[in-house]
């Protein structure tokens, strides 16, 4: 038995006047309780308890020792209560990592609303399209847009991120819209270099047949906002996440192309440093995000001014 548990045991023995009752309260056997007190008295070199047929009472030294142990046990209980309270509330600092476009367009408004429900929460939102190491950089939660390799990290699926092929109507006046993937070879492509296999676009038709086409074009970027701007300027076809293209489609600056053929959707995962010990602020944030990404979630994003 460790010394902390022993303190609780000694306090209960004095308060109940019984080894057996104290042992039952702590979920141990009476012989274990008796043996611990005997060892404690031997270590201190003094008698702490009087044993008699009428029960157990503290000696003069035992009473002083009890008063100190009672204070220590109360402090430990208060510390445990504080830890439980901290875990039950969404509070403290939450460090989140996301890609640039998703973080700016989707995550920021969602997290700000989450914070409005939890005024004691502070958020540090970092946006970077490069891979980061959560543990090395002290990140509590990262949103990643791909299938995850096996690792020691914890993760939870939060939704799907569908993509769509779009173009400016003026571009399509001079370049008739493609009907099938093979037709895309006749078009200029605006290529986002970190998704959709870069220069190879994959499509699936309603019969679940997949075709892959090599694309080329005048503009390549690793930034989705830049690809969106090029598409809006009529420079070619662009494969974009629905959340990036939706408002431009609503504004009729872009229009969907080849809608019968679907681009691959990306799985969205919330990734955290340990699957065993997940702080309340992290688990509650993930629960919130899962509720945000249902159905055609991109249609519910707040309006955004686009140059």
Protein backbone atom coordinates (compact mmCIF):
# COMPACT_ATOMS: atom_id res chain seq x y z
CA UNK A 1 0.00 0.00 0.00
CA UNK A 2 1.41 3.41 -0.91
CA UNK A 3 1.67 6.26 1.60
CA UNK A 4 -1.21 8.27 0.11
CA UNK A 5 -3.62 5.35 0.39
CA UNK A 6 -2.22 4.73 3.88
CA UNK A 7 -3.11 8.26 4.92
CA UNK A 8 -6.71 7.73 3.84
CA UNK A 9 -6.77 4.40 5.67
CA UNK A 10 -5.46 5.87 8.94
CA UNK A 11 -8.00 8.70 8.82
CA UNK A 12 -10.87 6.24 8.27
CA UNK A 13 -9.69 3.96 11.10
CA UNK A 14 -9.71 6.86 13.57
CA UNK A 15 -13.05 8.17 12.30
CA UNK A 16 -14.82 4.78 12.27
CA UNK A 17 -13.05 3.29 15.28
CA UNK A 18 -12.70 0.06 13.32
CA UNK A 19 -10.11 -1.64 11.16
CA UNK A 20 -12.75 -3.68 9.39
CA UNK A 21 -15.00 -0.72 8.52
CA UNK A 22 -12.08 1.38 7.31
CA UNK A 23 -10.76 -1.49 5.21
CA UNK A 24 -14.21 -2.03 3.67
CA UNK A 25 -14.49 1.68 2.81
CA UNK A 26 -11.17 1.55 0.96
CA UNK A 27 -11.83 -1.79 -0.72
CA UNK A 28 -9.02 -3.70 1.01
CA UNK A 29 -8.91 -6.61 3.48
CA UNK A 30 -8.74 -6.15 7.24
CA UNK A 31 -5.39 -8.00 7.49
CA UNK A 32 -3.93 -5.59 4.94
CA UNK A 33 -5.14 -2.62 7.01
CA UNK A 34 -3.78 -4.11 10.23
CA UNK A 35 -0.44 -4.90 8.66
CA UNK A 36 -0.10 -1.36 7.24
CA UNK A 37 -0.76 0.34 10.59
CA UNK A 38 1.70 -1.98 12.32
CA UNK A 39 4.32 -1.11 9.71
CA UNK A 40 3.53 2.59 10.08
CA UNK A 41 3.91 2.49 13.86
CA UNK A 42 7.20 0.62 13.50
CA UNK A 43 8.50 3.19 11.00
CA UNK A 44 7.51 6.11 13.27
CA UNK A 45 8.67 4.35 16.40
CA UNK A 46 5.51 5.12 18.35
CA UNK A 47 2.06 3.74 19.10
CA UNK A 48 -0.69 5.52 17.15
CA UNK A 49 -3.76 3.45 18.04
CA UNK A 50 -5.14 1.73 21.13
CA UNK A 51 -6.84 -1.58 20.33
CA UNK A 52 -9.49 -2.95 22.69
CA UNK A 53 -12.62 -5.06 22.60
CA UNK A 54 -14.65 -1.83 22.47
CA UNK A 55 -12.88 -0.60 19.32
CA UNK A 56 -9.92 1.43 18.16
CA UNK A 57 -8.98 4.87 19.49
CA UNK A 58 -6.07 7.17 18.76
CA UNK A 59 -3.26 7.71 21.24
CA UNK A 60 -2.20 11.27 22.06
CA UNK A 61 0.41 11.16 19.31
CA UNK A 62 -2.08 9.34 17.10
CA UNK A 63 -4.55 12.22 17.49
CA UNK A 64 -1.93 14.74 16.34
CA UNK A 65 -0.95 12.46 13.47
CA UNK A 66 -4.63 12.09 12.53
CA UNK A 67 -5.12 15.88 12.36
CA UNK A 68 -2.21 16.22 9.95
CA UNK A 69 -3.34 13.26 7.86
CA UNK A 70 -6.87 14.68 7.69
CA UNK A 71 -5.57 17.95 6.26
CA UNK A 72 -3.46 16.07 3.69
CA UNK A 73 -6.40 13.86 2.66
CA UNK A 74 -8.61 16.93 2.22
CA UNK A 75 -5.97 18.61 0.06
CA UNK A 76 -5.68 15.49 -2.11
CA UNK A 77 -9.47 15.31 -2.51
CA UNK A 78 -9.59 18.98 -3.47
CA UNK A 79 -6.83 18.43 -6.03
CA UNK A 80 -8.75 15.48 -7.50
CA UNK A 81 -11.93 17.58 -7.61
CA UNK A 82 -10.06 20.37 -9.39
CA UNK A 83 -8.67 17.95 -11.98
CA UNK A 84 -12.16 16.52 -12.55
CA UNK A 85 -13.61 20.03 -12.89
CA UNK A 86 -10.93 20.97 -15.41
CA UNK A 87 -11.73 17.85 -17.40
CA UNK A 88 -15.48 18.47 -17.31
CA UNK A 89 -15.17 21.98 -18.74
CA UNK A 90 -13.98 23.12 -22.13
CA UNK A 91 -11.34 25.58 -21.01
CA UNK A 92 -7.68 26.46 -21.40
CA UNK A 93 -5.69 26.74 -24.62
CA UNK A 94 -6.51 24.59 -27.65
CA UNK A 95 -3.94 24.51 -30.45
CA UNK A 96 -5.38 23.55 -33.85
CA UNK A 97 -3.65 22.97 -37.19
CA UNK A 98 -5.28 23.06 -40.63
CA UNK A 99 -4.53 23.59 -44.29
CA UNK A 100 -4.75 27.23 -45.40
CA UNK A 101 -7.91 27.22 -47.53
CA UNK A 102 -9.90 24.93 -45.25
CA UNK A 103 -8.77 26.79 -42.15
CA UNK A 104 -9.67 30.20 -43.54
CA UNK A 105 -12.94 29.35 -45.27
CA UNK A 106 -14.39 26.55 -43.13
CA UNK A 107 -12.62 26.01 -39.83
CA UNK A 108 -12.38 29.63 -38.69
CA UNK A 109 -16.13 30.40 -38.63
CA UNK A 110 -16.88 27.00 -37.13
CA UNK A 111 -14.30 27.34 -34.35
CA UNK A 112 -15.39 30.90 -33.57
CA UNK A 113 -18.94 29.65 -33.07
CA UNK A 114 -17.63 26.79 -30.89
CA UNK A 115 -15.75 29.34 -28.77
CA UNK A 116 -18.93 31.37 -28.30
CA UNK A 117 -20.35 28.39 -26.40
CA UNK A 118 -17.19 28.00 -24.29
CA UNK A 119 -16.01 31.45 -23.13
CA UNK A 120 -13.14 30.01 -21.05
CA UNK A 121 -11.51 28.46 -24.13
CA UNK A 122 -8.54 30.02 -25.94
CA UNK A 123 -7.69 28.83 -29.47
CA UNK A 124 -4.42 29.04 -31.38
CA UNK A 125 -5.30 28.22 -35.01
CA UNK A 126 -2.31 27.62 -37.27
CA UNK A 127 -2.78 27.24 -41.04
CA UNK A 128 -0.14 25.59 -43.20
CA UNK A 129 -0.39 23.31 -46.25
CA UNK A 130 2.75 21.45 -45.19
CA UNK A 131 2.69 18.31 -43.04
CA UNK A 132 3.40 19.04 -39.38
CA UNK A 133 4.40 16.80 -36.47
CA UNK A 134 1.73 17.26 -33.80
CA UNK A 135 3.88 16.20 -30.87
CA UNK A 136 6.98 18.18 -31.85
CA UNK A 137 4.97 21.35 -32.48
CA UNK A 138 2.67 21.03 -29.51
CA UNK A 139 -0.56 20.76 -31.53
CA UNK A 140 -3.66 19.43 -29.76
CA UNK A 141 -5.76 18.82 -32.87
CA UNK A 142 -5.10 18.73 -36.62
CA UNK A 143 -7.58 18.43 -39.50
CA UNK A 144 -6.25 16.24 -42.30
CA UNK A 145 -7.78 15.59 -45.71
CA UNK A 146 -6.65 12.12 -46.68
CA UNK A 147 -6.63 8.49 -45.66
CA UNK A 148 -4.41 8.15 -42.62
CA UNK A 149 -1.48 5.75 -42.35
CA UNK A 150 -1.22 3.62 -39.24
CA UNK A 151 0.48 5.59 -36.47
CA UNK A 152 0.54 6.15 -32.75
CA UNK A 153 -1.72 9.18 -33.17
CA UNK A 154 -5.41 9.13 -32.39
CA UNK A 155 -7.95 10.07 -35.05
CA UNK A 156 -11.67 10.38 -35.66
CA UNK A 157 -13.50 10.62 -38.96
CA UNK A 158 -15.46 13.88 -39.13
CA UNK A 159 -16.86 13.97 -42.67
CA UNK A 160 -16.30 13.97 -46.41
CA UNK A 161 -14.83 16.73 -48.56
CA UNK A 162 -16.22 16.37 -52.12
CA UNK A 163 -14.62 17.96 -55.18
CA UNK A 164 -16.16 19.37 -58.34
CA UNK A 165 -14.99 20.30 -61.85
CA UNK A 166 -15.79 23.93 -62.74
CA UNK A 167 -15.10 26.62 -65.30
CA UNK A 168 -16.03 30.22 -66.04
CA UNK A 169 -19.00 30.50 -68.49
CA UNK A 170 -16.94 32.80 -70.76
CA UNK A 171 -14.25 30.13 -71.03
CA UNK A 172 -16.87 27.55 -71.97
CA UNK A 173 -18.19 29.76 -74.77
CA UNK A 174 -14.86 29.40 -76.54
CA UNK A 175 -14.15 25.86 -75.32
CA UNK A 176 -17.21 23.59 -75.36
CA UNK A 177 -17.73 21.83 -72.03
CA UNK A 178 -16.29 18.29 -71.90
CA UNK A 179 -18.79 15.42 -71.73
CA UNK A 180 -16.33 12.72 -70.65
CA UNK A 181 -12.81 12.58 -69.17
CA UNK A 182 -11.22 12.02 -72.60
CA UNK A 183 -12.54 15.44 -73.71
CA UNK A 184 -10.53 17.19 -70.99
CA UNK A 185 -7.35 16.62 -73.00
CA UNK A 186 -8.57 19.35 -75.35
CA UNK A 187 -8.83 21.85 -72.49
CA UNK A 188 -6.52 23.96 -70.42
CA UNK A 189 -6.35 22.68 -66.83
CA UNK A 190 -5.67 24.71 -63.70
CA UNK A 191 -3.69 22.30 -61.57
CA UNK A 192 -3.63 22.16 -57.78
CA UNK A 193 -0.41 20.39 -56.97
CA UNK A 194 -1.14 18.75 -53.60
CA UNK A 195 -4.35 16.82 -54.32
CA UNK A 196 -6.25 14.87 -56.97
CA UNK A 197 -2.97 13.29 -58.14
CA UNK A 198 -1.71 16.60 -59.52
CA UNK A 199 -1.57 16.12 -63.32
CA UNK A 200 -3.79 13.03 -63.27
CA UNK A 201 -7.49 13.59 -62.63
CA UNK A 202 -9.62 10.59 -61.75
CA UNK A 203 -13.38 10.45 -62.45
CA UNK A 204 -16.12 7.91 -61.69
CA UNK A 205 -19.36 7.70 -63.67
CA UNK A 206 -22.84 6.60 -62.43
CA UNK A 207 -21.99 3.00 -63.42
CA UNK A 208 -19.05 3.16 -61.00
CA UNK A 209 -16.53 3.06 -63.85
CA UNK A 210 -13.34 5.00 -63.23
CA UNK A 211 -11.25 6.84 -65.81
CA UNK A 212 -8.02 8.72 -65.29
CA UNK A 213 -6.93 11.51 -67.62
CA UNK A 214 -3.61 13.34 -67.94
CA UNK A 215 -4.13 17.11 -67.77
CA UNK A 216 -1.98 20.07 -68.68
CA UNK A 217 -2.45 23.78 -68.61
CA UNK A 218 -1.05 27.26 -68.15
CA UNK A 219 -1.35 27.58 -64.38
CA UNK A 220 -0.16 25.38 -61.50
CA UNK A 221 -0.35 26.27 -57.80
CA UNK A 222 -0.27 24.64 -54.37
CA UNK A 223 -2.82 27.22 -53.17
CA UNK A 224 -6.54 26.61 -53.70
CA UNK A 225 -7.41 30.30 -53.58
CA UNK A 226 -5.06 30.90 -56.49
CA UNK A 227 -6.64 28.07 -58.50
CA UNK A 228 -10.07 29.56 -57.74
CA UNK A 229 -8.95 32.99 -58.93
CA UNK A 230 -7.58 31.55 -62.17
CA UNK A 231 -10.83 29.68 -62.79
CA UNK A 232 -12.90 32.79 -62.12
CA UNK A 233 -10.68 34.65 -64.59
CA UNK A 234 -11.59 32.13 -67.31
CA UNK A 235 -8.17 30.56 -67.66
CA UNK A 236 -9.36 26.93 -67.83
CA UNK A 237 -10.97 24.00 -66.05
CA UNK A 238 -10.38 23.61 -62.32
CA UNK A 239 -10.93 20.72 -59.92
CA UNK A 240 -11.86 22.32 -56.60
CA UNK A 241 -13.37 21.30 -53.27
CA UNK A 242 -17.06 22.11 -53.19
CA UNK A 243 -16.51 24.45 -50.24
CA UNK A 244 -14.07 26.50 -52.33
CA UNK A 245 -16.20 26.62 -55.51
CA UNK A 246 -19.73 26.84 -54.09
CA UNK A 247 -20.10 30.59 -53.67
CA UNK A 248 -18.64 31.31 -57.10
CA UNK A 249 -21.18 28.86 -58.53
CA UNK A 250 -23.96 30.64 -56.66
CA UNK A 251 -22.68 33.98 -58.03
CA UNK A 252 -22.67 32.41 -61.54
CA UNK A 253 -19.01 33.25 -61.97
CA UNK A 254 -18.29 29.52 -62.25
CA UNK A 255 -20.46 26.63 -63.37
CA UNK A 256 -20.16 22.89 -62.77
CA UNK A 257 -18.80 20.84 -65.65
CA UNK A 258 -19.28 17.14 -66.44
CA UNK A 259 -21.55 16.60 -63.43
CA UNK A 260 -22.22 12.93 -64.26
CA UNK A 261 -18.56 12.15 -63.61
CA UNK A 262 -17.46 12.51 -59.97
CA UNK A 263 -14.05 13.49 -58.72
CA UNK A 264 -12.81 11.56 -55.65
CA UNK A 265 -13.97 12.91 -52.30
CA UNK A 266 -11.49 13.26 -49.46
CA UNK A 267 -12.01 11.85 -46.00
CA UNK A 268 -11.66 14.45 -43.27
CA UNK A 269 -10.07 13.32 -40.01
CA UNK A 270 -9.48 15.02 -36.70
CA UNK A 271 -6.04 13.87 -35.53
CA UNK A 272 -4.72 14.19 -31.97
CA UNK A 273 -1.55 13.19 -30.17
CA UNK A 274 -2.75 10.26 -28.04
CA UNK A 275 -5.67 7.85 -28.52
CA UNK A 276 -5.67 6.94 -24.82
CA UNK A 277 -5.87 10.27 -23.02
CA UNK A 278 -7.97 12.81 -24.91
CA UNK A 279 -8.58 16.11 -23.05
CA UNK A 280 -12.17 17.27 -22.83
CA UNK A 281 -11.43 20.39 -24.88
CA UNK A 282 -10.19 18.17 -27.73
CA UNK A 283 -12.99 15.59 -27.61
CA UNK A 284 -15.68 18.28 -27.34
CA UNK A 285 -14.21 20.19 -30.28
CA UNK A 286 -14.19 17.02 -32.40
CA UNK A 287 -17.81 16.30 -31.44
CA UNK A 288 -18.69 19.82 -32.54
CA UNK A 289 -16.90 19.46 -35.87
CA UNK A 290 -18.60 16.14 -36.60
CA UNK A 291 -21.91 17.94 -36.27
CA UNK A 292 -20.78 20.58 -38.75
CA UNK A 293 -19.91 18.23 -41.62
CA UNK A 294 -23.15 16.44 -42.40
CA UNK A 295 -24.90 16.32 -45.77
CA UNK A 296 -24.01 19.16 -48.16
CA UNK A 297 -22.32 21.07 -45.35
CA UNK A 298 -20.50 23.49 -47.68
CA UNK A 299 -23.82 25.10 -48.60
CA UNK A 300 -24.21 26.35 -45.04
CA UNK A 301 -20.95 28.32 -44.93
CA UNK A 302 -21.29 32.06 -44.24
CA UNK A 303 -20.99 34.27 -47.37
CA UNK A 304 -17.53 35.41 -48.31
CA UNK A 305 -16.36 38.37 -50.34
CA UNK A 306 -14.29 37.11 -53.28
CA UNK A 307 -12.23 39.48 -55.41
